N, C-alpha and C. Protein backbone atom coordinates (compact mmCIF):
# COMPACT_ATOMS: atom_id res chain seq x y z
N UNK A 1 0.83 -1.20 0.00
CA UNK A 1 0.00 0.00 0.00
C UNK A 1 0.87 1.25 0.00
N UNK A 2 1.91 1.23 0.84
CA UNK A 2 2.80 2.40 0.91
C UNK A 2 3.47 2.65 -0.43
N UNK A 3 3.94 1.58 -1.06
CA UNK A 3 4.59 1.72 -2.36
C UNK A 3 3.61 2.26 -3.40
N UNK A 4 2.36 1.79 -3.35
CA UNK A 4 1.36 2.26 -4.31
C UNK A 4 1.05 3.74 -4.07
N UNK A 5 1.01 4.14 -2.81
CA UNK A 5 0.75 5.56 -2.51
C UNK A 5 1.91 6.43 -2.98
N UNK A 6 3.14 5.96 -2.73
CA UNK A 6 4.32 6.74 -3.10
C UNK A 6 4.50 6.83 -4.61
N UNK A 7 4.08 5.80 -5.32
CA UNK A 7 4.26 5.77 -6.77
C UNK A 7 3.10 6.41 -7.53
N UNK A 8 2.03 6.77 -6.80
CA UNK A 8 0.87 7.37 -7.45
C UNK A 8 -0.09 6.36 -8.04
N UNK A 9 0.08 5.08 -7.70
CA UNK A 9 -0.76 4.03 -8.26
C UNK A 9 -1.94 3.65 -7.35
N UNK A 10 -2.05 4.32 -6.21
CA UNK A 10 -3.05 3.90 -5.23
C UNK A 10 -4.48 4.07 -5.74
N UNK A 11 -4.73 5.12 -6.53
CA UNK A 11 -6.09 5.30 -7.05
C UNK A 11 -6.48 4.15 -7.96
N UNK A 12 -5.56 3.75 -8.80
CA UNK A 12 -5.83 2.63 -9.71
C UNK A 12 -6.05 1.34 -8.92
N UNK A 13 -5.25 1.15 -7.87
CA UNK A 13 -5.39 -0.04 -7.03
C UNK A 13 -6.75 -0.04 -6.34
N UNK A 14 -7.15 1.09 -5.79
CA UNK A 14 -8.48 1.21 -5.17
C UNK A 14 -9.57 0.82 -6.15
N UNK A 15 -9.48 1.32 -7.36
CA UNK A 15 -10.51 1.06 -8.36
C UNK A 15 -10.56 -0.42 -8.73
N UNK A 16 -9.39 -1.07 -8.82
CA UNK A 16 -9.36 -2.50 -9.13
C UNK A 16 -9.98 -3.32 -8.00
N UNK A 17 -9.71 -2.92 -6.77
CA UNK A 17 -10.29 -3.63 -5.62
C UNK A 17 -11.81 -3.46 -5.63
N UNK A 18 -12.28 -2.24 -5.88
CA UNK A 18 -13.72 -1.99 -5.93
C UNK A 18 -14.38 -2.83 -7.02
N UNK A 19 -13.76 -2.88 -8.19
CA UNK A 19 -14.30 -3.69 -9.29
C UNK A 19 -14.39 -5.16 -8.89
N UNK A 20 -13.35 -5.65 -8.25
CA UNK A 20 -13.34 -7.07 -7.84
C UNK A 20 -14.43 -7.35 -6.80
N UNK A 21 -14.62 -6.45 -5.87
CA UNK A 21 -15.67 -6.62 -4.86
C UNK A 21 -17.04 -6.65 -5.53
N UNK A 22 -17.25 -5.77 -6.48
CA UNK A 22 -18.54 -5.74 -7.18
C UNK A 22 -18.75 -7.03 -7.98
N UNK A 23 -17.70 -7.56 -8.58
CA UNK A 23 -17.79 -8.84 -9.28
C UNK A 23 -18.23 -9.94 -8.32
N UNK A 24 -17.61 -9.97 -7.16
CA UNK A 24 -17.96 -10.98 -6.15
C UNK A 24 -19.40 -10.81 -5.69
N UNK A 25 -19.82 -9.58 -5.44
CA UNK A 25 -21.19 -9.34 -5.00
C UNK A 25 -22.20 -9.79 -6.05
N UNK A 26 -21.91 -9.51 -7.31
CA UNK A 26 -22.81 -9.92 -8.39
C UNK A 26 -22.92 -11.44 -8.43
N UNK A 27 -21.80 -12.12 -8.27
CA UNK A 27 -21.80 -13.59 -8.27
C UNK A 27 -22.60 -14.13 -7.10
N UNK A 28 -22.43 -13.54 -5.94
CA UNK A 28 -23.18 -13.97 -4.76
C UNK A 28 -24.68 -13.77 -4.96
N UNK A 29 -25.06 -12.60 -5.45
CA UNK A 29 -26.47 -12.30 -5.62
C UNK A 29 -27.11 -13.20 -6.68
N UNK A 30 -26.34 -13.54 -7.72
CA UNK A 30 -26.85 -14.47 -8.74
C UNK A 30 -27.11 -15.85 -8.16
N UNK A 31 -26.39 -16.19 -7.09
CA UNK A 31 -26.55 -17.50 -6.45
C UNK A 31 -27.45 -17.42 -5.22
N UNK A 32 -28.16 -16.31 -5.08
CA UNK A 32 -29.12 -16.18 -3.99
C UNK A 32 -28.53 -15.91 -2.63
N UNK A 33 -27.27 -15.51 -2.58
CA UNK A 33 -26.62 -15.20 -1.29
C UNK A 33 -26.77 -13.71 -1.02
N UNK A 34 -27.49 -13.38 0.03
CA UNK A 34 -27.68 -11.98 0.41
C UNK A 34 -26.68 -11.63 1.51
N UNK A 35 -25.72 -10.81 1.18
CA UNK A 35 -24.71 -10.42 2.16
C UNK A 35 -24.17 -9.06 1.80
N UNK A 36 -23.34 -8.51 2.67
CA UNK A 36 -22.66 -7.24 2.40
C UNK A 36 -21.16 -7.49 2.40
N UNK A 37 -20.44 -6.74 1.60
CA UNK A 37 -18.99 -6.80 1.58
C UNK A 37 -18.44 -5.41 1.87
N UNK A 38 -17.39 -5.38 2.68
CA UNK A 38 -16.76 -4.10 3.05
C UNK A 38 -15.49 -3.90 2.23
N UNK A 39 -15.28 -2.66 1.84
CA UNK A 39 -14.11 -2.29 1.04
C UNK A 39 -13.32 -1.24 1.81
N UNK A 40 -12.08 -1.57 2.15
CA UNK A 40 -11.22 -0.58 2.80
C UNK A 40 -10.66 0.37 1.75
N UNK A 41 -10.95 1.63 1.92
CA UNK A 41 -10.39 2.65 1.03
C UNK A 41 -9.11 3.19 1.63
N UNK A 42 -8.14 3.47 0.78
CA UNK A 42 -6.88 4.02 1.27
C UNK A 42 -7.08 5.46 1.74
N UNK A 43 -6.09 5.94 2.47
CA UNK A 43 -6.16 7.31 2.98
C UNK A 43 -6.18 8.35 1.88
N UNK A 44 -5.78 7.97 0.66
CA UNK A 44 -5.74 8.93 -0.44
C UNK A 44 -6.91 8.78 -1.40
N UNK A 45 -7.82 7.92 -1.07
CA UNK A 45 -8.95 7.66 -1.98
C UNK A 45 -9.76 8.91 -2.24
N UNK A 46 -9.92 9.73 -1.24
CA UNK A 46 -10.78 10.90 -1.38
C UNK A 46 -10.14 12.00 -2.20
N UNK A 47 -8.90 11.78 -2.62
CA UNK A 47 -8.25 12.72 -3.56
C UNK A 47 -8.40 12.26 -5.00
N UNK A 48 -9.12 11.16 -5.19
CA UNK A 48 -9.28 10.59 -6.52
C UNK A 48 -10.57 11.11 -7.16
N UNK A 49 -10.48 11.97 -8.18
CA UNK A 49 -11.70 12.51 -8.80
C UNK A 49 -12.51 11.45 -9.53
N UNK A 50 -11.91 10.28 -9.78
CA UNK A 50 -12.60 9.22 -10.51
C UNK A 50 -13.29 8.22 -9.58
N UNK A 51 -13.15 8.40 -8.26
CA UNK A 51 -13.70 7.41 -7.32
C UNK A 51 -15.21 7.28 -7.44
N UNK A 52 -15.92 8.38 -7.34
CA UNK A 52 -17.39 8.33 -7.40
C UNK A 52 -17.86 7.86 -8.77
N UNK A 53 -17.34 8.41 -9.90
CA UNK A 53 -17.76 7.90 -11.21
C UNK A 53 -17.47 6.40 -11.38
N UNK A 54 -16.34 5.93 -10.84
CA UNK A 54 -15.99 4.51 -10.95
C UNK A 54 -17.01 3.65 -10.21
N UNK A 55 -17.39 4.07 -9.01
CA UNK A 55 -18.38 3.32 -8.24
C UNK A 55 -19.72 3.32 -8.98
N UNK A 56 -20.11 4.46 -9.52
CA UNK A 56 -21.38 4.53 -10.25
C UNK A 56 -21.37 3.61 -11.47
N UNK A 57 -20.26 3.60 -12.22
CA UNK A 57 -20.16 2.71 -13.38
C UNK A 57 -20.21 1.25 -12.95
N UNK A 58 -19.54 0.94 -11.85
CA UNK A 58 -19.51 -0.44 -11.38
C UNK A 58 -20.89 -0.89 -10.91
N UNK A 59 -21.62 0.00 -10.24
CA UNK A 59 -22.99 -0.33 -9.82
C UNK A 59 -23.85 -0.65 -11.03
N UNK A 60 -23.73 0.16 -12.06
CA UNK A 60 -24.53 -0.05 -13.27
C UNK A 60 -24.09 -1.31 -14.01
N UNK A 61 -22.78 -1.54 -14.08
CA UNK A 61 -22.27 -2.69 -14.84
C UNK A 61 -22.63 -4.02 -14.19
N UNK A 62 -22.49 -4.10 -12.87
CA UNK A 62 -22.68 -5.39 -12.19
C UNK A 62 -24.08 -5.55 -11.60
N UNK A 63 -24.83 -4.46 -11.52
CA UNK A 63 -26.20 -4.55 -11.04
C UNK A 63 -26.36 -5.03 -9.62
N UNK A 64 -25.38 -4.73 -8.77
CA UNK A 64 -25.46 -5.17 -7.38
C UNK A 64 -26.29 -4.18 -6.56
N UNK A 65 -26.82 -4.65 -5.44
CA UNK A 65 -27.55 -3.77 -4.54
C UNK A 65 -26.56 -2.82 -3.87
N UNK A 66 -26.70 -1.52 -4.04
CA UNK A 66 -25.74 -0.58 -3.45
C UNK A 66 -25.62 -0.72 -1.94
N UNK A 67 -26.72 -1.09 -1.28
CA UNK A 67 -26.69 -1.22 0.18
C UNK A 67 -25.83 -2.38 0.64
N UNK A 68 -25.43 -3.26 -0.28
CA UNK A 68 -24.57 -4.39 0.09
C UNK A 68 -23.09 -4.00 0.07
N UNK A 69 -22.80 -2.75 -0.26
CA UNK A 69 -21.42 -2.26 -0.31
C UNK A 69 -21.19 -1.32 0.87
N UNK A 70 -20.19 -1.65 1.68
CA UNK A 70 -19.80 -0.81 2.81
C UNK A 70 -18.37 -0.35 2.58
N UNK A 71 -18.18 0.95 2.47
CA UNK A 71 -16.83 1.49 2.33
C UNK A 71 -16.30 1.83 3.72
N UNK A 72 -15.09 1.36 4.01
CA UNK A 72 -14.45 1.65 5.28
C UNK A 72 -13.35 2.68 5.07
N UNK A 73 -13.34 3.67 5.93
CA UNK A 73 -12.32 4.71 5.87
C UNK A 73 -11.82 4.97 7.29
N UNK A 74 -10.52 5.14 7.45
CA UNK A 74 -10.00 5.38 8.79
C UNK A 74 -10.33 6.79 9.23
N UNK A 75 -10.39 6.94 10.53
CA UNK A 75 -10.65 8.26 11.10
C UNK A 75 -9.62 9.28 10.63
N UNK A 76 -8.35 8.88 10.62
CA UNK A 76 -7.27 9.79 10.20
C UNK A 76 -7.48 10.26 8.77
N UNK A 77 -7.83 9.33 7.88
CA UNK A 77 -8.03 9.68 6.48
C UNK A 77 -9.25 10.56 6.30
N UNK A 78 -10.33 10.26 7.01
CA UNK A 78 -11.56 11.03 6.87
C UNK A 78 -11.37 12.47 7.33
N UNK A 79 -10.55 12.64 8.36
CA UNK A 79 -10.38 13.98 8.93
C UNK A 79 -9.25 14.76 8.26
N UNK A 80 -8.48 14.11 7.39
CA UNK A 80 -7.38 14.81 6.73
C UNK A 80 -7.90 15.98 5.91
N UNK A 81 -9.03 15.78 5.23
CA UNK A 81 -9.71 16.86 4.50
C UNK A 81 -11.20 16.62 4.69
N UNK A 82 -11.71 17.15 5.78
CA UNK A 82 -13.08 16.83 6.20
C UNK A 82 -14.11 17.21 5.15
N UNK A 83 -13.93 18.35 4.49
CA UNK A 83 -14.91 18.79 3.50
C UNK A 83 -14.94 17.86 2.29
N UNK A 84 -13.76 17.48 1.81
CA UNK A 84 -13.69 16.56 0.66
C UNK A 84 -14.25 15.20 1.06
N UNK A 85 -13.95 14.77 2.26
CA UNK A 85 -14.46 13.47 2.73
C UNK A 85 -15.98 13.47 2.74
N UNK A 86 -16.57 14.50 3.31
CA UNK A 86 -18.03 14.58 3.40
C UNK A 86 -18.65 14.61 2.01
N UNK A 87 -18.05 15.36 1.11
CA UNK A 87 -18.59 15.47 -0.24
C UNK A 87 -18.62 14.11 -0.95
N UNK A 88 -17.54 13.37 -0.87
CA UNK A 88 -17.47 12.07 -1.54
C UNK A 88 -18.36 11.05 -0.83
N UNK A 89 -18.34 11.07 0.48
CA UNK A 89 -19.17 10.13 1.24
C UNK A 89 -20.65 10.36 0.94
N UNK A 90 -21.05 11.60 0.91
CA UNK A 90 -22.46 11.90 0.61
C UNK A 90 -22.84 11.48 -0.81
N UNK A 91 -21.90 11.66 -1.74
CA UNK A 91 -22.18 11.25 -3.13
C UNK A 91 -22.37 9.74 -3.22
N UNK A 92 -21.53 8.98 -2.52
CA UNK A 92 -21.63 7.53 -2.57
C UNK A 92 -22.84 7.04 -1.77
N UNK A 93 -23.15 7.71 -0.68
CA UNK A 93 -24.34 7.32 0.09
C UNK A 93 -25.62 7.63 -0.69
N UNK A 94 -25.58 8.67 -1.52
CA UNK A 94 -26.76 8.98 -2.34
C UNK A 94 -27.01 7.88 -3.37
N UNK A 95 -25.96 7.12 -3.69
CA UNK A 95 -26.12 5.96 -4.58
C UNK A 95 -26.67 4.75 -3.83
N UNK A 96 -26.65 4.82 -2.50
CA UNK A 96 -27.16 3.72 -1.69
C UNK A 96 -26.09 2.95 -0.94
N UNK A 97 -24.82 3.31 -1.13
CA UNK A 97 -23.73 2.63 -0.43
C UNK A 97 -23.68 3.11 1.03
N UNK A 98 -23.00 2.33 1.84
CA UNK A 98 -22.88 2.66 3.25
C UNK A 98 -21.42 2.91 3.63
N UNK A 99 -21.22 3.53 4.81
CA UNK A 99 -19.87 3.88 5.26
C UNK A 99 -19.63 3.45 6.70
N UNK A 100 -18.41 2.99 6.94
CA UNK A 100 -17.96 2.67 8.30
C UNK A 100 -16.70 3.46 8.59
N UNK A 101 -16.63 4.00 9.79
CA UNK A 101 -15.43 4.71 10.23
C UNK A 101 -14.56 3.72 10.99
N UNK A 102 -13.39 3.43 10.45
CA UNK A 102 -12.50 2.42 11.01
C UNK A 102 -11.62 3.04 12.10
N UNK A 103 -11.14 2.18 13.02
CA UNK A 103 -10.22 2.59 14.10
C UNK A 103 -10.81 3.69 14.97
N UNK A 104 -12.11 3.65 15.18
CA UNK A 104 -12.77 4.70 15.94
C UNK A 104 -12.31 4.68 17.40
N UNK A 105 -12.09 5.88 17.93
CA UNK A 105 -11.75 6.03 19.34
C UNK A 105 -10.30 6.34 19.60
N UNK A 106 -9.44 6.25 18.58
CA UNK A 106 -8.02 6.50 18.83
C UNK A 106 -7.63 7.96 18.57
N UNK A 107 -8.53 8.74 17.99
CA UNK A 107 -8.25 10.15 17.73
C UNK A 107 -9.03 11.05 18.67
N UNK A 108 -8.46 12.17 19.02
CA UNK A 108 -9.11 13.06 19.96
C UNK A 108 -10.29 13.81 19.36
N UNK A 109 -10.35 13.87 18.02
CA UNK A 109 -11.40 14.66 17.37
C UNK A 109 -12.61 13.82 17.00
N UNK A 110 -12.62 12.54 17.37
CA UNK A 110 -13.68 11.64 16.93
C UNK A 110 -15.07 12.16 17.23
N UNK A 111 -15.33 12.50 18.48
CA UNK A 111 -16.67 12.87 18.88
C UNK A 111 -17.11 14.17 18.23
N UNK A 112 -16.18 15.09 18.04
CA UNK A 112 -16.54 16.37 17.44
C UNK A 112 -17.00 16.20 16.00
N UNK A 113 -16.31 15.34 15.26
CA UNK A 113 -16.62 15.20 13.84
C UNK A 113 -17.63 14.09 13.54
N UNK A 114 -17.97 13.32 14.55
CA UNK A 114 -18.85 12.18 14.30
C UNK A 114 -20.18 12.61 13.71
N UNK A 115 -20.71 13.73 14.18
CA UNK A 115 -22.01 14.18 13.67
C UNK A 115 -21.90 14.76 12.27
N UNK A 116 -20.70 15.13 11.85
CA UNK A 116 -20.52 15.74 10.53
C UNK A 116 -20.38 14.70 9.41
N UNK A 117 -19.78 13.57 9.72
CA UNK A 117 -19.51 12.56 8.70
C UNK A 117 -20.75 11.71 8.45
N UNK A 118 -21.13 11.50 7.19
CA UNK A 118 -22.30 10.67 6.87
C UNK A 118 -21.96 9.18 6.99
N UNK A 119 -22.16 8.64 8.18
CA UNK A 119 -21.73 7.28 8.49
C UNK A 119 -22.92 6.37 8.78
N UNK A 120 -22.65 5.07 8.73
CA UNK A 120 -23.62 4.06 9.11
C UNK A 120 -23.09 3.20 10.26
N UNK A 121 -21.77 3.03 10.30
CA UNK A 121 -21.13 2.18 11.31
C UNK A 121 -19.88 2.88 11.86
N UNK A 122 -19.56 2.55 13.10
CA UNK A 122 -18.24 2.89 13.62
C UNK A 122 -17.59 1.61 14.12
N UNK A 123 -16.33 1.45 13.79
CA UNK A 123 -15.59 0.25 14.19
C UNK A 123 -14.69 0.62 15.37
N UNK A 124 -14.98 0.04 16.52
CA UNK A 124 -14.24 0.34 17.73
C UNK A 124 -12.84 -0.27 17.62
N UNK A 125 -11.84 0.56 17.80
CA UNK A 125 -10.46 0.13 17.60
C UNK A 125 -10.10 -1.05 18.49
N UNK A 126 -9.36 -1.99 17.92
CA UNK A 126 -9.00 -3.21 18.63
C UNK A 126 -8.18 -2.99 19.88
N UNK A 127 -7.51 -1.86 19.99
CA UNK A 127 -6.71 -1.61 21.19
C UNK A 127 -7.58 -1.51 22.44
N UNK A 128 -8.87 -1.22 22.27
CA UNK A 128 -9.78 -1.17 23.41
C UNK A 128 -10.43 -2.53 23.68
N UNK A 129 -10.27 -3.47 22.74
CA UNK A 129 -10.99 -4.74 22.81
C UNK A 129 -10.10 -5.88 23.28
N UNK A 130 -8.83 -5.85 22.91
CA UNK A 130 -7.93 -6.99 23.14
C UNK A 130 -7.96 -7.50 24.58
N UNK A 131 -7.85 -6.59 25.54
CA UNK A 131 -7.79 -6.98 26.96
C UNK A 131 -9.03 -6.53 27.72
N UNK A 132 -10.16 -6.57 27.04
CA UNK A 132 -11.38 -6.00 27.58
C UNK A 132 -11.80 -6.64 28.90
N UNK A 133 -11.63 -7.94 29.04
CA UNK A 133 -12.09 -8.61 30.26
C UNK A 133 -11.23 -8.26 31.46
N UNK A 134 -10.01 -7.75 31.22
CA UNK A 134 -9.09 -7.43 32.32
C UNK A 134 -8.97 -5.94 32.59
N UNK A 135 -9.49 -5.11 31.71
CA UNK A 135 -9.31 -3.67 31.85
C UNK A 135 -10.66 -2.98 31.93
N UNK A 136 -11.06 -2.68 33.16
CA UNK A 136 -12.39 -2.11 33.39
C UNK A 136 -12.55 -0.74 32.75
N UNK A 137 -11.45 0.01 32.64
CA UNK A 137 -11.57 1.34 32.02
C UNK A 137 -11.94 1.24 30.54
N UNK A 138 -11.49 0.16 29.88
CA UNK A 138 -11.86 -0.04 28.49
C UNK A 138 -13.33 -0.42 28.37
N UNK A 139 -13.84 -1.13 29.36
CA UNK A 139 -15.27 -1.45 29.37
C UNK A 139 -16.09 -0.17 29.48
N UNK A 140 -15.66 0.73 30.33
CA UNK A 140 -16.36 2.02 30.49
C UNK A 140 -16.29 2.81 29.19
N UNK A 141 -15.12 2.81 28.56
CA UNK A 141 -14.94 3.56 27.31
C UNK A 141 -15.82 3.00 26.20
N UNK A 142 -15.85 1.68 26.05
CA UNK A 142 -16.68 1.08 25.00
C UNK A 142 -18.15 1.34 25.26
N UNK A 143 -18.56 1.27 26.52
CA UNK A 143 -19.95 1.59 26.85
C UNK A 143 -20.30 3.01 26.45
N UNK A 144 -19.37 3.93 26.69
CA UNK A 144 -19.59 5.33 26.30
C UNK A 144 -19.65 5.47 24.78
N UNK A 145 -18.77 4.77 24.06
CA UNK A 145 -18.77 4.84 22.60
C UNK A 145 -20.07 4.28 22.03
N UNK A 146 -20.57 3.22 22.64
CA UNK A 146 -21.85 2.64 22.20
C UNK A 146 -22.97 3.65 22.38
N UNK A 147 -22.99 4.33 23.52
CA UNK A 147 -24.03 5.32 23.77
C UNK A 147 -23.95 6.48 22.80
N UNK A 148 -22.72 6.91 22.48
CA UNK A 148 -22.54 7.99 21.50
C UNK A 148 -23.04 7.54 20.14
N UNK A 149 -22.68 6.32 19.74
CA UNK A 149 -23.11 5.79 18.44
C UNK A 149 -24.62 5.74 18.37
N UNK A 150 -25.26 5.27 19.42
CA UNK A 150 -26.73 5.20 19.43
C UNK A 150 -27.35 6.58 19.27
N UNK A 151 -26.73 7.58 19.88
CA UNK A 151 -27.27 8.94 19.78
C UNK A 151 -27.26 9.43 18.35
N UNK A 152 -26.33 8.92 17.54
CA UNK A 152 -26.24 9.32 16.14
C UNK A 152 -26.83 8.26 15.21
N UNK A 153 -27.55 7.30 15.77
CA UNK A 153 -28.19 6.22 14.99
C UNK A 153 -27.17 5.42 14.18
N UNK A 154 -26.04 5.12 14.80
CA UNK A 154 -24.99 4.35 14.16
C UNK A 154 -24.87 2.97 14.80
N UNK A 155 -24.46 1.99 14.01
CA UNK A 155 -24.18 0.66 14.53
C UNK A 155 -22.70 0.57 14.90
N UNK A 156 -22.39 -0.25 15.89
CA UNK A 156 -21.01 -0.41 16.34
C UNK A 156 -20.49 -1.79 15.96
N UNK A 157 -19.20 -1.83 15.62
CA UNK A 157 -18.50 -3.07 15.28
C UNK A 157 -17.21 -3.10 16.10
N UNK A 158 -17.01 -4.15 16.87
CA UNK A 158 -15.78 -4.30 17.65
C UNK A 158 -14.77 -5.11 16.86
N UNK A 159 -13.54 -4.63 16.82
CA UNK A 159 -12.46 -5.32 16.13
C UNK A 159 -11.66 -6.19 17.11
N UNK A 160 -10.91 -7.15 16.58
CA UNK A 160 -9.98 -7.98 17.36
C UNK A 160 -10.67 -8.78 18.46
N UNK A 161 -11.81 -9.36 18.16
CA UNK A 161 -12.49 -10.23 19.12
C UNK A 161 -11.88 -11.62 19.00
N UNK A 162 -11.20 -12.06 20.06
CA UNK A 162 -10.42 -13.28 19.95
C UNK A 162 -10.85 -14.39 20.91
N UNK A 163 -11.88 -14.17 21.73
CA UNK A 163 -12.38 -15.26 22.57
C UNK A 163 -13.83 -15.01 22.95
N UNK A 164 -14.47 -16.06 23.47
CA UNK A 164 -15.90 -15.99 23.76
C UNK A 164 -16.22 -15.04 24.90
N UNK A 165 -15.33 -14.92 25.87
CA UNK A 165 -15.58 -14.02 27.00
C UNK A 165 -15.67 -12.57 26.55
N UNK A 166 -14.76 -12.18 25.66
CA UNK A 166 -14.79 -10.82 25.11
C UNK A 166 -16.06 -10.61 24.31
N UNK A 167 -16.43 -11.61 23.51
CA UNK A 167 -17.64 -11.50 22.70
C UNK A 167 -18.88 -11.31 23.58
N UNK A 168 -18.98 -12.08 24.64
CA UNK A 168 -20.12 -11.95 25.56
C UNK A 168 -20.14 -10.59 26.24
N UNK A 169 -18.99 -10.12 26.65
CA UNK A 169 -18.91 -8.82 27.32
C UNK A 169 -19.30 -7.70 26.36
N UNK A 170 -18.86 -7.80 25.12
CA UNK A 170 -19.23 -6.79 24.12
C UNK A 170 -20.74 -6.77 23.91
N UNK A 171 -21.35 -7.95 23.86
CA UNK A 171 -22.80 -8.02 23.72
C UNK A 171 -23.49 -7.36 24.91
N UNK A 172 -22.96 -7.61 26.11
CA UNK A 172 -23.53 -6.99 27.31
C UNK A 172 -23.40 -5.47 27.28
N UNK A 173 -22.32 -4.99 26.65
CA UNK A 173 -22.09 -3.54 26.57
C UNK A 173 -22.91 -2.89 25.45
N UNK A 174 -23.58 -3.71 24.64
CA UNK A 174 -24.45 -3.18 23.60
C UNK A 174 -23.83 -3.03 22.23
N UNK A 175 -22.64 -3.61 22.02
CA UNK A 175 -22.00 -3.56 20.70
C UNK A 175 -22.81 -4.42 19.73
N UNK A 176 -23.03 -3.90 18.52
CA UNK A 176 -23.90 -4.59 17.55
C UNK A 176 -23.23 -5.76 16.83
N UNK A 177 -21.98 -5.58 16.40
CA UNK A 177 -21.30 -6.60 15.60
C UNK A 177 -19.87 -6.77 16.10
N UNK A 178 -19.28 -7.92 15.72
CA UNK A 178 -17.90 -8.19 16.12
C UNK A 178 -17.15 -8.83 14.96
N UNK A 179 -15.86 -8.59 14.94
CA UNK A 179 -15.00 -9.27 13.98
C UNK A 179 -13.70 -9.63 14.68
N UNK A 180 -13.08 -10.69 14.24
CA UNK A 180 -11.84 -11.14 14.85
C UNK A 180 -11.70 -12.63 14.72
N UNK A 181 -10.59 -13.17 15.18
CA UNK A 181 -10.29 -14.58 14.99
C UNK A 181 -11.27 -15.50 15.71
N UNK A 182 -11.93 -15.01 16.77
CA UNK A 182 -12.93 -15.85 17.43
C UNK A 182 -14.14 -16.07 16.51
N UNK A 183 -14.45 -15.07 15.70
CA UNK A 183 -15.56 -15.17 14.77
C UNK A 183 -15.15 -16.03 13.57
N UNK A 184 -14.06 -15.66 12.95
CA UNK A 184 -13.53 -16.41 11.80
C UNK A 184 -12.18 -15.83 11.41
N UNK A 185 -11.28 -16.67 11.01
CA UNK A 185 -10.00 -16.19 10.48
C UNK A 185 -10.19 -15.84 9.01
N UNK A 186 -9.33 -14.97 8.48
CA UNK A 186 -9.47 -14.57 7.07
C UNK A 186 -9.45 -15.78 6.14
N UNK A 187 -10.37 -15.78 5.18
CA UNK A 187 -10.44 -16.84 4.18
C UNK A 187 -10.66 -16.21 2.82
N UNK A 188 -10.27 -16.93 1.79
CA UNK A 188 -10.48 -16.43 0.42
C UNK A 188 -11.95 -16.50 0.07
N UNK A 189 -12.30 -15.83 -1.00
CA UNK A 189 -13.70 -15.85 -1.48
C UNK A 189 -14.14 -17.27 -1.80
N UNK A 190 -13.27 -18.03 -2.46
CA UNK A 190 -13.64 -19.39 -2.87
C UNK A 190 -13.81 -20.32 -1.67
N UNK A 191 -13.07 -20.07 -0.58
CA UNK A 191 -13.22 -20.88 0.62
C UNK A 191 -14.51 -20.52 1.37
N UNK A 192 -14.87 -19.26 1.33
CA UNK A 192 -16.05 -18.80 2.06
C UNK A 192 -17.34 -19.18 1.35
N UNK A 193 -17.34 -19.05 0.03
CA UNK A 193 -18.56 -19.34 -0.75
C UNK A 193 -18.21 -20.29 -1.91
N UNK A 194 -17.82 -21.52 -1.62
CA UNK A 194 -17.40 -22.43 -2.69
C UNK A 194 -18.53 -22.75 -3.67
N UNK A 195 -19.78 -22.74 -3.22
CA UNK A 195 -20.89 -23.10 -4.09
C UNK A 195 -21.08 -22.12 -5.24
N UNK A 196 -20.64 -20.87 -5.05
CA UNK A 196 -20.84 -19.86 -6.10
C UNK A 196 -19.91 -20.09 -7.29
N UNK A 197 -18.88 -20.89 -7.11
CA UNK A 197 -17.89 -21.08 -8.17
C UNK A 197 -18.11 -22.38 -8.93
N UNK A 198 -19.16 -23.12 -8.61
CA UNK A 198 -19.43 -24.40 -9.29
C UNK A 198 -20.22 -24.19 -10.57
């Protein structure tokens, strides 16, 4: 990723990843699988004038449900140019796509800008989750983040969930979704949905 950003190829890489995700979604929907796929956008994606047109073309070409696409952007990237971020996010959300703010909670400006960004999900940074059962202050923090998210009608996703005790505690704290090795380790598309390739 760093090499692509330094060489100026990151926009093209983003577009290729988006195209591939849309291909996968189309294949899933043709096989009756209703699911959503998340796409991590690089920190420089919002400087790409072709990003929104590319997504629009891909939606038309593959005929996928826009609501099945979730774009993930880190807090740092979203706040680097808040006005440009909002403009692009709103354009993509007007197409029906959704947005998640990744690594939420590690920046001091999170709460101030949370109401400004057109979001659907916030992903609670894994640094607050890893030792959740042993660190009561992190439990208090996650509870507060959940309450803030609810106030803005956002869903919460906890990262780095690695055992059942953490998963249960997150559920008790009101977190909506979880991801991590306890849920599933990373697998290829063909391993996850082998029936779609037959």
